[in-house]
Amino acid sequence: SVAKLVSHLSQGITLLPGTLISTGSPGGSGYS
């Protein structure tokens, strides 16, 4: 989840204001 990702990425690393997190893509890519 978004909450899990933000928590994970913040461990030992300061996420500064304005940081953009792109959270992944669902299925259906054109390549596949």
Full PDB file with SEQRES, HELIX, SHEET, SSBOND, CRYST1, ORIGX, SCALE, CONECT and MASTER records, all heavy atoms in Angstrom:
SEQRES   1 A   32  SER VAL ALA LYS LEU VAL SER HIS LEU SER GLN GLY ILE          
SEQRES   2 A   32  THR LEU LEU PRO GLY THR LEU ILE SER THR GLY SER PRO          
SEQRES   3 A   32  GLY GLY SER GLY TYR SER                                      
HELIX    1 AA1 VAL A    2  SER A   10  1                                   9    
CRYST1    1.000    1.000    1.000  90.00  90.00  90.00 P 1           1          
ORIGX1      1.000000  0.000000  0.000000        0.00000                         
ORIGX2      0.000000  1.000000  0.000000        0.00000                         
ORIGX3      0.000000  0.000000  1.000000        0.00000                         
SCALE1      1.000000  0.000000  0.000000        0.00000                         
SCALE2      0.000000  1.000000  0.000000        0.00000                         
SCALE3      0.000000  0.000000  1.000000        0.00000                         
ATOM      1  N   SER A   1       0.823  -1.202   0.000  1.00  0.00           N  
ATOM      2  CA  SER A   1       0.000   0.000   0.000  1.00  0.00           C  
ATOM      3  C   SER A   1       0.863   1.259   0.000  1.00  0.00           C  
ATOM      4  O   SER A   1       2.075   1.209   0.253  1.00  0.00           O  
ATOM      5  CB  SER A   1      -0.905   0.000   1.234  1.00  0.00           C  
ATOM      6  OG  SER A   1      -0.113   0.149   2.413  1.00  0.00           O  
ATOM      7  N   VAL A   2       0.220   2.385  -0.266  1.00  0.00           N  
ATOM      8  CA  VAL A   2       0.931   3.667  -0.181  1.00  0.00           C  
ATOM      9  C   VAL A   2       1.545   3.841   1.193  1.00  0.00           C  
ATOM     10  O   VAL A   2       2.707   4.259   1.321  1.00  0.00           O  
ATOM     11  CB  VAL A   2      -0.038   4.830  -0.503  1.00  0.00           C  
ATOM     12  CG1 VAL A   2       0.626   6.171  -0.203  1.00  0.00           C  
ATOM     13  CG2 VAL A   2      -0.491   4.769  -1.951  1.00  0.00           C  
ATOM     14  N   ALA A   3       0.807   3.525   2.238  1.00  0.00           N  
ATOM     15  CA  ALA A   3       1.329   3.677   3.602  1.00  0.00           C  
ATOM     16  C   ALA A   3       2.565   2.804   3.807  1.00  0.00           C  
ATOM     17  O   ALA A   3       3.561   3.248   4.405  1.00  0.00           O  
ATOM     18  CB  ALA A   3       0.255   3.328   4.619  1.00  0.00           C  
ATOM     19  N   LYS A   4       2.536   1.574   3.334  1.00  0.00           N  
ATOM     20  CA  LYS A   4       3.694   0.694   3.474  1.00  0.00           C  
ATOM     21  C   LYS A   4       4.890   1.233   2.707  1.00  0.00           C  
ATOM     22  O   LYS A   4       6.028   1.179   3.191  1.00  0.00           O  
ATOM     23  CB  LYS A   4       3.347  -0.719   2.996  1.00  0.00           C  
ATOM     24  CG  LYS A   4       2.429  -1.485   3.937  1.00  0.00           C  
ATOM     25  CD  LYS A   4       2.168  -2.887   3.407  1.00  0.00           C  
ATOM     26  CE  LYS A   4       1.275  -3.663   4.379  1.00  0.00           C  
ATOM     27  NZ  LYS A   4       0.980  -5.036   3.878  1.00  0.00           N  
ATOM     28  N   LEU A   5       4.649   1.755   1.511  1.00  0.00           N  
ATOM     29  CA  LEU A   5       5.750   2.276   0.710  1.00  0.00           C  
ATOM     30  C   LEU A   5       6.388   3.497   1.353  1.00  0.00           C  
ATOM     31  O   LEU A   5       7.618   3.601   1.426  1.00  0.00           O  
ATOM     32  CB  LEU A   5       5.252   2.626  -0.697  1.00  0.00           C  
ATOM     33  CG  LEU A   5       4.823   1.451  -1.571  1.00  0.00           C  
ATOM     34  CD1 LEU A   5       4.258   1.964  -2.891  1.00  0.00           C  
ATOM     35  CD2 LEU A   5       5.984   0.496  -1.817  1.00  0.00           C  
ATOM     36  N   VAL A   6       5.567   4.434   1.812  1.00  0.00           N  
ATOM     37  CA  VAL A   6       6.114   5.645   2.450  1.00  0.00           C  
ATOM     38  C   VAL A   6       6.915   5.265   3.690  1.00  0.00           C  
ATOM     39  O   VAL A   6       8.026   5.768   3.917  1.00  0.00           O  
ATOM     40  CB  VAL A   6       4.989   6.631   2.799  1.00  0.00           C  
ATOM     41  CG1 VAL A   6       5.529   7.790   3.649  1.00  0.00           C  
ATOM     42  CG2 VAL A   6       4.338   7.180   1.536  1.00  0.00           C  
ATOM     43  N   SER A   7       6.383   4.359   4.487  1.00  0.00           N  
ATOM     44  CA  SER A   7       7.101   3.931   5.685  1.00  0.00           C  
ATOM     45  C   SER A   7       8.427   3.270   5.311  1.00  0.00           C  
ATOM     46  O   SER A   7       9.485   3.588   5.874  1.00  0.00           O  
ATOM     47  CB  SER A   7       6.235   2.967   6.490  1.00  0.00           C  
ATOM     48  OG  SER A   7       6.949   2.435   7.593  1.00  0.00           O  
ATOM     49  N   HIS A   8       8.375   2.359   4.354  1.00  0.00           N  
ATOM     50  CA  HIS A   8       9.590   1.643   3.944  1.00  0.00           C  
ATOM     51  C   HIS A   8      10.650   2.600   3.410  1.00  0.00           C  
ATOM     52  O   HIS A   8      11.828   2.523   3.795  1.00  0.00           O  
ATOM     53  CB  HIS A   8       9.238   0.613   2.884  1.00  0.00           C  
ATOM     54  CG  HIS A   8      10.426  -0.117   2.316  1.00  0.00           C  
ATOM     55  ND1 HIS A   8      11.021  -1.190   2.948  1.00  0.00           N  
ATOM     56  CD2 HIS A   8      11.145   0.094   1.174  1.00  0.00           C  
ATOM     57  CE1 HIS A   8      12.046  -1.613   2.229  1.00  0.00           C  
ATOM     58  NE2 HIS A   8      12.145  -0.854   1.148  1.00  0.00           N  
ATOM     59  N   LEU A   9      10.260   3.509   2.545  1.00  0.00           N  
ATOM     60  CA  LEU A   9      11.227   4.414   1.923  1.00  0.00           C  
ATOM     61  C   LEU A   9      11.809   5.399   2.925  1.00  0.00           C  
ATOM     62  O   LEU A   9      12.914   5.922   2.720  1.00  0.00           O  
ATOM     63  CB  LEU A   9      10.563   5.172   0.774  1.00  0.00           C  
ATOM     64  CG  LEU A   9      10.128   4.317  -0.430  1.00  0.00           C  
ATOM     65  CD1 LEU A   9       9.314   5.146  -1.406  1.00  0.00           C  
ATOM     66  CD2 LEU A   9      11.334   3.697  -1.115  1.00  0.00           C  
ATOM     67  N   SER A  10      11.094   5.656   4.010  1.00  0.00           N  
ATOM     68  CA  SER A  10      11.566   6.636   5.002  1.00  0.00           C  
ATOM     69  C   SER A  10      12.524   6.048   6.027  1.00  0.00           C  
ATOM     70  O   SER A  10      13.086   6.790   6.849  1.00  0.00           O  
ATOM     71  CB  SER A  10      10.368   7.249   5.741  1.00  0.00           C  
ATOM     72  OG  SER A  10       9.825   6.351   6.699  1.00  0.00           O  
ATOM     73  N   GLN A  11      12.731   4.748   6.003  1.00  0.00           N  
ATOM     74  CA  GLN A  11      13.597   4.146   7.006  1.00  0.00           C  
ATOM     75  C   GLN A  11      15.055   4.528   6.756  1.00  0.00           C  
ATOM     76  O   GLN A  11      15.680   4.092   5.797  1.00  0.00           O  
ATOM     77  CB  GLN A  11      13.426   2.627   7.017  1.00  0.00           C  
ATOM     78  CG  GLN A  11      12.011   2.173   7.338  1.00  0.00           C  
ATOM     79  CD  GLN A  11      11.475   2.760   8.621  1.00  0.00           C  
ATOM     80  OE1 GLN A  11      12.107   2.672   9.688  1.00  0.00           O  
ATOM     81  NE2 GLN A  11      10.304   3.372   8.537  1.00  0.00           N  
ATOM     82  N   GLY A  12      15.577   5.376   7.609  1.00  0.00           N  
ATOM     83  CA  GLY A  12      16.962   5.829   7.498  1.00  0.00           C  
ATOM     84  C   GLY A  12      17.180   6.890   6.442  1.00  0.00           C  
ATOM     85  O   GLY A  12      18.302   7.380   6.272  1.00  0.00           O  
ATOM     86  N   ILE A  13      16.141   7.260   5.723  1.00  0.00           N  
ATOM     87  CA  ILE A  13      16.240   8.248   4.646  1.00  0.00           C  
ATOM     88  C   ILE A  13      15.147   9.292   4.861  1.00  0.00           C  
ATOM     89  O   ILE A  13      13.973   8.945   5.005  1.00  0.00           O  
ATOM     90  CB  ILE A  13      16.047   7.598   3.261  1.00  0.00           C  
ATOM     91  CG1 ILE A  13      17.147   6.574   2.993  1.00  0.00           C  
ATOM     92  CG2 ILE A  13      16.016   8.643   2.158  1.00  0.00           C  
ATOM     93  CD1 ILE A  13      16.923   5.769   1.717  1.00  0.00           C  
ATOM     94  N   THR A  14      15.527  10.557   4.875  1.00  0.00           N  
ATOM     95  CA  THR A  14      14.536  11.619   5.026  1.00  0.00           C  
ATOM     96  C   THR A  14      13.905  11.909   3.678  1.00  0.00           C  
ATOM     97  O   THR A  14      14.578  12.307   2.726  1.00  0.00           O  
ATOM     98  CB  THR A  14      15.177  12.902   5.589  1.00  0.00           C  
ATOM     99  OG1 THR A  14      15.780  12.611   6.851  1.00  0.00           O  
ATOM    100  CG2 THR A  14      14.132  13.992   5.763  1.00  0.00           C  
ATOM    101  N   LEU A  15      12.614  11.682   3.613  1.00  0.00           N  
ATOM    102  CA  LEU A  15      11.848  12.046   2.424  1.00  0.00           C  
ATOM    103  C   LEU A  15      11.490  13.524   2.562  1.00  0.00           C  
ATOM    104  O   LEU A  15      10.706  13.910   3.423  1.00  0.00           O  
ATOM    105  CB  LEU A  15      10.575  11.199   2.317  1.00  0.00           C  
ATOM    106  CG  LEU A  15      10.771   9.680   2.306  1.00  0.00           C  
ATOM    107  CD1 LEU A  15       9.424   8.974   2.207  1.00  0.00           C  
ATOM    108  CD2 LEU A  15      11.697   9.251   1.174  1.00  0.00           C  
ATOM    109  N   LEU A  16      12.077  14.353   1.719  1.00  0.00           N  
ATOM    110  CA  LEU A  16      11.894  15.794   1.829  1.00  0.00           C  
ATOM    111  C   LEU A  16      10.565  16.220   1.216  1.00  0.00           C  
ATOM    112  O   LEU A  16      10.030  15.549   0.330  1.00  0.00           O  
ATOM    113  CB  LEU A  16      13.047  16.514   1.136  1.00  0.00           C  
ATOM    114  CG  LEU A  16      14.433  16.275   1.734  1.00  0.00           C  
ATOM    115  CD1 LEU A  16      15.507  16.908   0.862  1.00  0.00           C  
ATOM    116  CD2 LEU A  16      14.502  16.813   3.159  1.00  0.00           C  
ATOM    117  N   PRO A  17      10.030  17.347   1.678  1.00  0.00           N  
ATOM    118  CA  PRO A  17       8.788  17.855   1.079  1.00  0.00           C  
ATOM    119  C   PRO A  17       8.942  18.024  -0.429  1.00  0.00           C  
ATOM    120  O   PRO A  17       9.947  18.538  -0.908  1.00  0.00           O  
ATOM    121  CB  PRO A  17       8.596  19.204   1.779  1.00  0.00           C  
ATOM    122  CG  PRO A  17       9.306  19.054   3.087  1.00  0.00           C  
ATOM    123  CD  PRO A  17      10.491  18.184   2.801  1.00  0.00           C  
ATOM    124  N   GLY A  18       7.938  17.579  -1.164  1.00  0.00           N  
ATOM    125  CA  GLY A  18       7.985  17.636  -2.624  1.00  0.00           C  
ATOM    126  C   GLY A  18       8.481  16.378  -3.273  1.00  0.00           C  
ATOM    127  O   GLY A  18       8.406  16.243  -4.504  1.00  0.00           O  
ATOM    128  N   THR A  19       8.993  15.428  -2.490  1.00  0.00           N  
ATOM    129  CA  THR A  19       9.411  14.146  -3.049  1.00  0.00           C  
ATOM    130  C   THR A  19       8.231  13.483  -3.754  1.00  0.00           C  
ATOM    131  O   THR A  19       7.125  13.417  -3.215  1.00  0.00           O  
ATOM    132  CB  THR A  19       9.932  13.217  -1.940  1.00  0.00           C  
ATOM    133  OG1 THR A  19      11.133  13.765  -1.393  1.00  0.00           O  
ATOM    134  CG2 THR A  19      10.229  11.822  -2.465  1.00  0.00           C  
ATOM    135  N   LEU A  20       8.481  12.999  -4.965  1.00  0.00           N  
ATOM    136  CA  LEU A  20       7.462  12.294  -5.734  1.00  0.00           C  
ATOM    137  C   LEU A  20       7.745  10.799  -5.679  1.00  0.00           C  
ATOM    138  O   LEU A  20       8.860  10.360  -5.969  1.00  0.00           O  
ATOM    139  CB  LEU A  20       7.469  12.769  -7.190  1.00  0.00           C  
ATOM    140  CG  LEU A  20       6.578  11.997  -8.173  1.00  0.00           C  
ATOM    141  CD1 LEU A  20       5.109  12.120  -7.803  1.00  0.00           C  
ATOM    142  CD2 LEU A  20       6.828  12.458  -9.606  1.00  0.00           C  
ATOM    143  N   ILE A  21       6.739  10.041  -5.296  1.00  0.00           N  
ATOM    144  CA  ILE A  21       6.836   8.582  -5.276  1.00  0.00           C  
ATOM    145  C   ILE A  21       5.848   8.031  -6.285  1.00  0.00           C  
ATOM    146  O   ILE A  21       4.642   8.305  -6.216  1.00  0.00           O  
ATOM    147  CB  ILE A  21       6.527   8.010  -3.875  1.00  0.00           C  
ATOM    148  CG1 ILE A  21       7.480   8.597  -2.829  1.00  0.00           C  
ATOM    149  CG2 ILE A  21       6.620   6.485  -3.893  1.00  0.00           C  
ATOM    150  CD1 ILE A  21       7.100   8.250  -1.398  1.00  0.00           C  
ATOM    151  N   SER A  22       6.354   7.263  -7.243  1.00  0.00           N  
ATOM    152  CA  SER A  22       5.504   6.602  -8.224  1.00  0.00           C  
ATOM    153  C   SER A  22       5.333   5.153  -7.783  1.00  0.00           C  
ATOM    154  O   SER A  22       6.322   4.427  -7.596  1.00  0.00           O  
ATOM    155  CB  SER A  22       6.145   6.685  -9.615  1.00  0.00           C  
ATOM    156  OG  SER A  22       5.226   6.398 -10.622  1.00  0.00           O  
ATOM    157  N   THR A  23       4.089   4.719  -7.592  1.00  0.00           N  
ATOM    158  CA  THR A  23       3.821   3.538  -6.771  1.00  0.00           C  
ATOM    159  C   THR A  23       3.657   2.227  -7.530  1.00  0.00           C  
ATOM    160  O   THR A  23       3.269   1.222  -6.947  1.00  0.00           O  
ATOM    161  CB  THR A  23       2.559   3.775  -5.927  1.00  0.00           C  
ATOM    162  OG1 THR A  23       1.458   4.069  -6.799  1.00  0.00           O  
ATOM    163  CG2 THR A  23       2.761   4.938  -4.964  1.00  0.00           C  
ATOM    164  N   GLY A  24       3.962   2.212  -8.820  1.00  0.00           N  
ATOM    165  CA  GLY A  24       3.887   0.965  -9.559  1.00  0.00           C  
ATOM    166  C   GLY A  24       2.685   0.907 -10.482  1.00  0.00           C  
ATOM    167  O   GLY A  24       1.706   1.637 -10.327  1.00  0.00           O  
ATOM    168  N   SER A  25       2.774   0.009 -11.460  1.00  0.00           N  
ATOM    169  CA  SER A  25       1.770  -0.085 -12.518  1.00  0.00           C  
ATOM    170  C   SER A  25       1.033  -1.419 -12.458  1.00  0.00           C  
ATOM    171  O   SER A  25       1.628  -2.458 -12.173  1.00  0.00           O  
ATOM    172  CB  SER A  25       2.457   0.052 -13.886  1.00  0.00           C  
ATOM    173  OG  SER A  25       1.532  -0.080 -14.936  1.00  0.00           O  
ATOM    174  N   PRO A  26      -0.273  -1.394 -12.758  1.00  0.00           N  
ATOM    175  CA  PRO A  26      -1.017  -2.656 -12.818  1.00  0.00           C  
ATOM    176  C   PRO A  26      -0.717  -3.421 -14.102  1.00  0.00           C  
ATOM    177  O   PRO A  26       0.062  -2.981 -14.953  1.00  0.00           O  
ATOM    178  CB  PRO A  26      -2.479  -2.181 -12.784  1.00  0.00           C  
ATOM    179  CG  PRO A  26      -2.444  -0.825 -13.403  1.00  0.00           C  
ATOM    180  CD  PRO A  26      -1.123  -0.225 -12.980  1.00  0.00           C  
ATOM    181  N   GLY A  27      -1.350  -4.564 -14.246  1.00  0.00           N  
ATOM    182  CA  GLY A  27      -1.162  -5.373 -15.439  1.00  0.00           C  
ATOM    183  C   GLY A  27      -1.774  -4.731 -16.671  1.00  0.00           C  
ATOM    184  O   GLY A  27      -2.552  -3.779 -16.588  1.00  0.00           O  
ATOM    185  N   GLY A  28      -1.395  -5.254 -17.832  1.00  0.00           N  
ATOM    186  CA  GLY A  28      -1.923  -4.746 -19.087  1.00  0.00           C  
ATOM    187  C   GLY A  28      -0.924  -3.984 -19.915  1.00  0.00           C  
ATOM    188  O   GLY A  28      -1.302  -3.249 -20.834  1.00  0.00           O  
ATOM    189  N   SER A  29       0.353  -4.142 -19.634  1.00  0.00           N  
ATOM    190  CA  SER A  29       1.374  -3.422 -20.397  1.00  0.00           C  
ATOM    191  C   SER A  29       1.348  -3.861 -21.855  1.00  0.00           C  
ATOM    192  O   SER A  29       0.999  -5.002 -22.191  1.00  0.00           O  
ATOM    193  CB  SER A  29       2.771  -3.663 -19.804  1.00  0.00           C  
ATOM    194  OG  SER A  29       3.196  -4.990 -20.035  1.00  0.00           O  
ATOM    195  N   GLY A  30       1.738  -2.931 -22.726  1.00  0.00           N  
ATOM    196  CA  GLY A  30       1.724  -3.227 -24.148  1.00  0.00           C  
ATOM    197  C   GLY A  30       2.767  -4.230 -24.570  1.00  0.00           C  
ATOM    198  O   GLY A  30       2.564  -5.006 -25.511  1.00  0.00           O  
ATOM    199  N   TYR A  31       3.905  -4.231 -23.879  1.00  0.00           N  
ATOM    200  CA  TYR A  31       5.016  -5.110 -24.228  1.00  0.00           C  
ATOM    201  C   TYR A  31       4.629  -6.575 -24.073  1.00  0.00           C  
ATOM    202  O   TYR A  31       5.132  -7.447 -24.804  1.00  0.00           O  
ATOM    203  CB  TYR A  31       6.211  -4.783 -23.330  1.00  0.00           C  
ATOM    204  CG  TYR A  31       7.460  -5.579 -23.609  1.00  0.00           C  
ATOM    205  CD1 TYR A  31       8.344  -5.190 -24.606  1.00  0.00           C  
ATOM    206  CD2 TYR A  31       7.772  -6.709 -22.847  1.00  0.00           C  
ATOM    207  CE1 TYR A  31       9.503  -5.916 -24.863  1.00  0.00           C  
ATOM    208  CE2 TYR A  31       8.932  -7.435 -23.096  1.00  0.00           C  
ATOM    209  CZ  TYR A  31       9.789  -7.032 -24.102  1.00  0.00           C  
ATOM    210  OH  TYR A  31      10.929  -7.752 -24.343  1.00  0.00           O  
ATOM    211  N   SER A  32       3.722  -6.847 -23.123  1.00  0.00           N  
ATOM    212  CA  SER A  32       3.399  -8.230 -22.804  1.00  0.00           C  
ATOM    213  C   SER A  32       2.216  -8.765 -23.591  1.00  0.00           C  
ATOM    214  O   SER A  32       1.845  -9.931 -23.445  1.00  0.00           O  
ATOM    215  CB  SER A  32       3.089  -8.343 -21.304  1.00  0.00           C  
ATOM    216  OG  SER A  32       4.178  -7.861 -20.532  1.00  0.00           O  
TER     217      SER A  32                                                      
MASTER        0    0    0    1    0    0    0    6  216    1    0    3          
END                                                                             
